[in-house]
N, C-alpha and C. Protein backbone atom coordinates (compact mmCIF):
# COMPACT_ATOMS: atom_id res chain seq x y z
N UNK A 1 11.25 20.00 -8.43
CA UNK A 1 12.56 20.44 -9.21
C UNK A 1 11.97 19.67 -10.78
N UNK A 2 11.66 18.49 -10.69
CA UNK A 2 11.35 17.79 -12.10
C UNK A 2 10.13 18.11 -12.89
N UNK A 3 9.29 18.51 -11.83
CA UNK A 3 7.91 18.88 -12.45
C UNK A 3 8.07 20.25 -13.42
N UNK A 4 8.92 21.24 -13.02
CA UNK A 4 9.20 22.33 -13.90
C UNK A 4 9.81 22.19 -15.14
N UNK A 5 10.85 20.84 -15.27
CA UNK A 5 11.63 20.99 -16.64
C UNK A 5 11.19 20.49 -17.74
N UNK A 6 11.36 20.80 -18.50
CA UNK A 6 10.69 20.55 -20.24
C UNK A 6 10.86 18.95 -20.28
N UNK A 7 10.03 18.26 -20.86
CA UNK A 7 10.06 16.86 -21.09
C UNK A 7 10.86 16.48 -22.42
N UNK A 8 12.23 16.36 -22.58
CA UNK A 8 12.90 16.02 -23.56
C UNK A 8 13.06 14.73 -23.94
N UNK A 9 12.93 13.90 -23.06
CA UNK A 9 13.04 12.29 -23.23
C UNK A 9 11.63 11.86 -24.03
N UNK A 10 11.72 11.20 -25.07
CA UNK A 10 10.55 10.59 -25.72
C UNK A 10 9.59 10.04 -24.92
N UNK A 11 10.08 9.34 -24.00
CA UNK A 11 8.95 8.16 -22.87
C UNK A 11 8.36 9.71 -22.25
N UNK A 12 9.04 10.35 -21.37
CA UNK A 12 8.56 11.66 -20.58
C UNK A 12 7.71 12.43 -21.50
N UNK A 13 7.77 12.53 -22.57
CA UNK A 13 6.69 13.61 -23.39
C UNK A 13 5.46 12.99 -23.79
N UNK A 14 5.42 11.16 -23.85
CA UNK A 14 4.29 10.57 -23.80
C UNK A 14 3.20 10.70 -22.76
N UNK A 15 4.04 11.04 -21.70
CA UNK A 15 3.43 11.05 -20.42
C UNK A 15 2.20 12.10 -20.12
N UNK A 16 1.22 12.04 -19.44
CA UNK A 16 0.34 13.40 -18.99
C UNK A 16 0.70 14.17 -18.16
N UNK A 17 0.25 15.19 -17.98
CA UNK A 17 0.81 16.05 -16.78
C UNK A 17 0.01 15.99 -15.55
N UNK A 18 -1.28 15.19 -15.82
CA UNK A 18 -1.94 14.99 -14.85
C UNK A 18 -1.74 13.58 -14.01
N UNK A 19 -1.71 13.97 -12.66
CA UNK A 19 -1.30 13.03 -11.78
C UNK A 19 -2.53 12.04 -10.94
N UNK A 20 -2.78 11.04 -11.27
CA UNK A 20 -3.68 10.32 -10.82
C UNK A 20 -3.46 9.89 -9.23
N UNK A 21 -4.38 10.29 -8.52
CA UNK A 21 -4.57 10.03 -7.07
C UNK A 21 -4.91 8.64 -6.46
N UNK A 22 -3.97 7.79 -5.95
CA UNK A 22 -4.53 6.58 -5.63
C UNK A 22 -5.44 6.61 -4.20
N UNK A 23 -6.00 5.88 -4.15
CA UNK A 23 -7.23 5.89 -2.89
C UNK A 23 -6.89 4.58 -2.26
N UNK A 24 -6.46 4.61 -1.02
CA UNK A 24 -6.43 3.83 -0.03
C UNK A 24 -7.61 3.31 0.58
N UNK A 25 -7.99 2.14 0.46
CA UNK A 25 -8.98 1.82 0.85
C UNK A 25 -8.68 0.32 1.74
N UNK A 26 -9.37 0.53 3.41
CA UNK A 26 -9.20 -0.81 4.10
C UNK A 26 -10.50 -1.83 4.00
N UNK A 27 -10.29 -2.86 3.16
CA UNK A 27 -11.23 -3.70 2.94
C UNK A 27 -11.63 -4.54 4.27
N UNK A 28 -12.82 -5.36 4.00
CA UNK A 28 -13.25 -5.98 4.81
C UNK A 28 -12.01 -7.59 4.96
N UNK A 29 -11.56 -7.54 3.83
CA UNK A 29 -10.77 -8.69 3.66
C UNK A 29 -9.34 -8.27 4.68
N UNK A 30 -8.55 -7.28 4.62
CA UNK A 30 -7.57 -6.78 5.33
C UNK A 30 -7.81 -6.78 6.74
N UNK A 31 -9.28 -6.42 7.44
CA UNK A 31 -9.78 -6.58 8.67
C UNK A 31 -9.62 -8.31 9.10
N UNK A 32 -10.27 -9.15 8.41
CA UNK A 32 -10.44 -10.28 8.58
C UNK A 32 -8.73 -10.73 8.43
N UNK A 33 -8.05 -10.36 7.83
CA UNK A 33 -6.53 -11.29 7.72
C UNK A 33 -5.95 -10.38 9.33
N UNK A 34 -6.28 -9.44 9.62
CA UNK A 34 -5.82 -8.97 10.81
C UNK A 34 -6.27 -9.47 11.92
N UNK A 35 -7.58 -9.86 11.98
CA UNK A 35 -8.15 -10.68 13.12
C UNK A 35 -7.57 -12.08 13.45
N UNK A 36 -7.40 -12.72 12.25
CA UNK A 36 -6.95 -14.03 12.27
C UNK A 36 -5.54 -14.12 12.58
N UNK A 37 -4.18 -13.16 11.98
CA UNK A 37 -3.07 -12.94 12.44
C UNK A 37 -2.93 -12.56 14.02
N UNK A 38 -3.89 -11.92 14.22
CA UNK A 38 -3.75 -11.22 15.87
C UNK A 38 -4.16 -12.56 16.73
N UNK A 39 -5.24 -13.21 16.33
CA UNK A 39 -5.63 -14.49 17.11
C UNK A 39 -4.59 -15.41 16.91
N UNK A 40 -3.86 -15.92 15.76
CA UNK A 40 -2.78 -16.88 15.62
C UNK A 40 -1.67 -16.44 16.79
N UNK A 41 -1.30 -15.33 16.67
CA UNK A 41 -0.25 -14.77 17.50
C UNK A 41 -0.32 -14.90 18.77
N UNK A 42 -1.70 -14.51 19.28
CA UNK A 42 -2.10 -14.29 20.89
C UNK A 42 -2.00 -15.97 21.04
N UNK A 43 -2.50 -17.00 20.63
CA UNK A 43 -2.48 -18.14 20.62
C UNK A 43 -1.13 -18.88 20.90
N UNK A 44 -0.41 -18.56 19.81
CA UNK A 44 0.94 -18.97 19.80
C UNK A 44 1.87 -18.34 21.31
N UNK A 45 1.65 -17.27 21.65
CA UNK A 45 2.49 -16.51 22.52
C UNK A 45 1.97 -17.12 24.08
N UNK A 46 0.70 -17.30 24.03
CA UNK A 46 -0.01 -17.93 25.34
C UNK A 46 0.54 -19.38 25.38
N UNK A 47 0.55 -20.27 24.33
CA UNK A 47 1.05 -21.76 24.55
C UNK A 47 2.41 -21.69 25.03
N UNK A 48 3.22 -20.70 24.72
CA UNK A 48 4.88 -20.61 24.99
C UNK A 48 4.84 -20.44 26.49
N UNK A 49 3.99 -19.41 26.98
CA UNK A 49 3.96 -19.10 28.45
C UNK A 49 3.27 -20.51 29.29
N UNK A 50 2.43 -21.15 28.68
CA UNK A 50 2.16 -22.34 29.46
C UNK A 50 3.04 -23.49 29.54
């Protein structure tokens, strides 16, 4: 709906028509954080059972 409307506001008229696609990438840091968080949760849960 807003895509086809004319750009009357000064801020909108300065923006380009093209949209930049963002690339979501799972990095090595994210995997390390997941592994550490999962291990910490497992250890805490296991110690509550003992």
